[in-house]
Amino acid sequence: MEAICVKLDKGIMKEINEIAKEFHYTTRTDFIREAIRSKIEELQKKRALKNLEKYFGASKVKTTDEDLERIREEVGNEYKKKFGLK
């Protein structure tokens, strides 16, 4: 494991200390590691959704705007479920 040094404002450190204590983190480092993992996971989901947008294009079959909107909503809801988004 590699070490990094990060300087944070006193206000942020106070929040970290309070949250770490409230949610029973062993150390601030454990909290920060988990926060970083969560952020990476969030960004990976955004990247995956962005990549999926590349594959959506114009339909070769004539469809109404209402049909397209319904399909987009259905597909969006499926991916929200799949990636645990709300």
Protein backbone atom coordinates (compact mmCIF):
# COMPACT_ATOMS: atom_id res chain seq x y z
CA MET A 1 0.00 0.00 0.00
CA GLU A 2 1.27 3.46 -0.83
CA ALA A 3 0.98 6.48 1.43
CA ILE A 4 -0.11 9.95 0.34
CA CYS A 5 -0.18 13.23 2.19
CA VAL A 6 -3.25 15.44 1.91
CA LYS A 7 -3.78 18.81 3.52
CA LEU A 8 -7.38 19.55 4.53
CA ASP A 9 -9.11 22.56 6.04
CA LYS A 10 -9.90 22.41 9.75
CA GLY A 11 -13.62 22.39 8.95
CA ILE A 12 -13.33 19.30 6.78
CA MET A 13 -11.20 17.56 9.38
CA LYS A 14 -13.79 18.34 12.03
CA GLU A 15 -16.52 16.81 9.82
CA ILE A 16 -14.38 13.73 9.17
CA ASN A 17 -13.72 13.29 12.88
CA GLU A 18 -17.41 13.61 13.75
CA ILE A 19 -18.59 11.26 11.01
CA ALA A 20 -15.85 8.71 11.70
CA LYS A 21 -16.81 8.66 15.37
CA GLU A 22 -20.57 8.57 14.71
CA PHE A 23 -20.33 5.71 12.22
CA HIS A 24 -17.71 3.78 14.24
CA TYR A 25 -14.77 3.96 11.88
CA THR A 26 -11.63 2.65 13.54
CA THR A 27 -9.57 5.54 12.19
CA ARG A 28 -9.94 8.59 10.00
CA THR A 29 -7.84 6.76 7.44
CA ASP A 30 -10.46 4.01 7.20
CA PHE A 31 -13.13 6.62 6.58
CA ILE A 32 -11.05 8.39 3.93
CA ARG A 33 -10.23 5.11 2.16
CA GLU A 34 -13.90 4.19 2.02
CA ALA A 35 -14.84 7.67 0.80
CA ILE A 36 -12.29 7.41 -2.01
CA ARG A 37 -13.53 3.93 -2.98
CA SER A 38 -17.12 5.22 -3.06
CA LYS A 39 -16.17 8.18 -5.25
CA ILE A 40 -14.26 5.93 -7.66
CA GLU A 41 -17.26 3.59 -7.90
CA GLU A 42 -19.59 6.55 -8.55
CA LEU A 43 -17.36 7.86 -11.33
CA GLN A 44 -17.02 4.39 -12.87
CA LYS A 45 -20.84 4.17 -13.03
CA LYS A 46 -20.98 7.60 -14.69
CA ARG A 47 -18.33 6.48 -17.18
CA ALA A 48 -20.27 3.30 -17.98
CA LEU A 49 -23.48 5.26 -18.53
CA LYS A 50 -21.64 7.76 -20.72
CA ASN A 51 -20.19 4.91 -22.80
CA LEU A 52 -23.66 3.42 -23.20
CA GLU A 53 -24.90 6.69 -24.69
CA LYS A 54 -22.62 6.07 -27.67
CA TYR A 55 -24.69 3.04 -28.62
CA PHE A 56 -28.03 4.83 -28.69
CA GLY A 57 -28.82 6.22 -32.09
CA ALA A 58 -31.66 6.84 -34.48
CA SER A 59 -34.10 4.00 -34.97
CA LYS A 60 -34.43 2.52 -38.46
CA VAL A 61 -38.09 1.81 -37.72
CA LYS A 62 -40.54 4.70 -37.68
CA THR A 63 -41.49 5.42 -34.10
CA THR A 64 -43.32 8.26 -32.46
CA ASP A 65 -41.72 10.66 -30.00
CA GLU A 66 -43.94 9.16 -27.31
CA ASP A 67 -42.65 5.66 -28.09
CA LEU A 68 -39.04 6.85 -27.94
CA GLU A 69 -39.62 8.60 -24.62
CA ARG A 70 -41.27 5.49 -23.14
CA ILE A 71 -38.40 3.28 -24.35
CA ARG A 72 -35.77 5.68 -22.99
CA GLU A 73 -37.50 5.71 -19.62
CA GLU A 74 -37.74 1.91 -19.50
CA VAL A 75 -34.09 1.43 -20.44
CA GLY A 76 -33.01 4.15 -18.02
CA ASN A 77 -34.91 2.49 -15.19
CA GLU A 78 -33.34 -0.87 -15.99
CA TYR A 79 -29.84 0.61 -15.84
CA LYS A 80 -30.64 2.50 -12.66
CA LYS A 81 -31.61 -0.79 -11.05
CA LYS A 82 -28.56 -2.56 -12.44
CA PHE A 83 -26.13 0.09 -11.14
CA GLY A 84 -27.99 0.80 -7.91
CA LEU A 85 -28.83 4.40 -8.80
CA LYS A 86 -31.96 6.21 -7.65
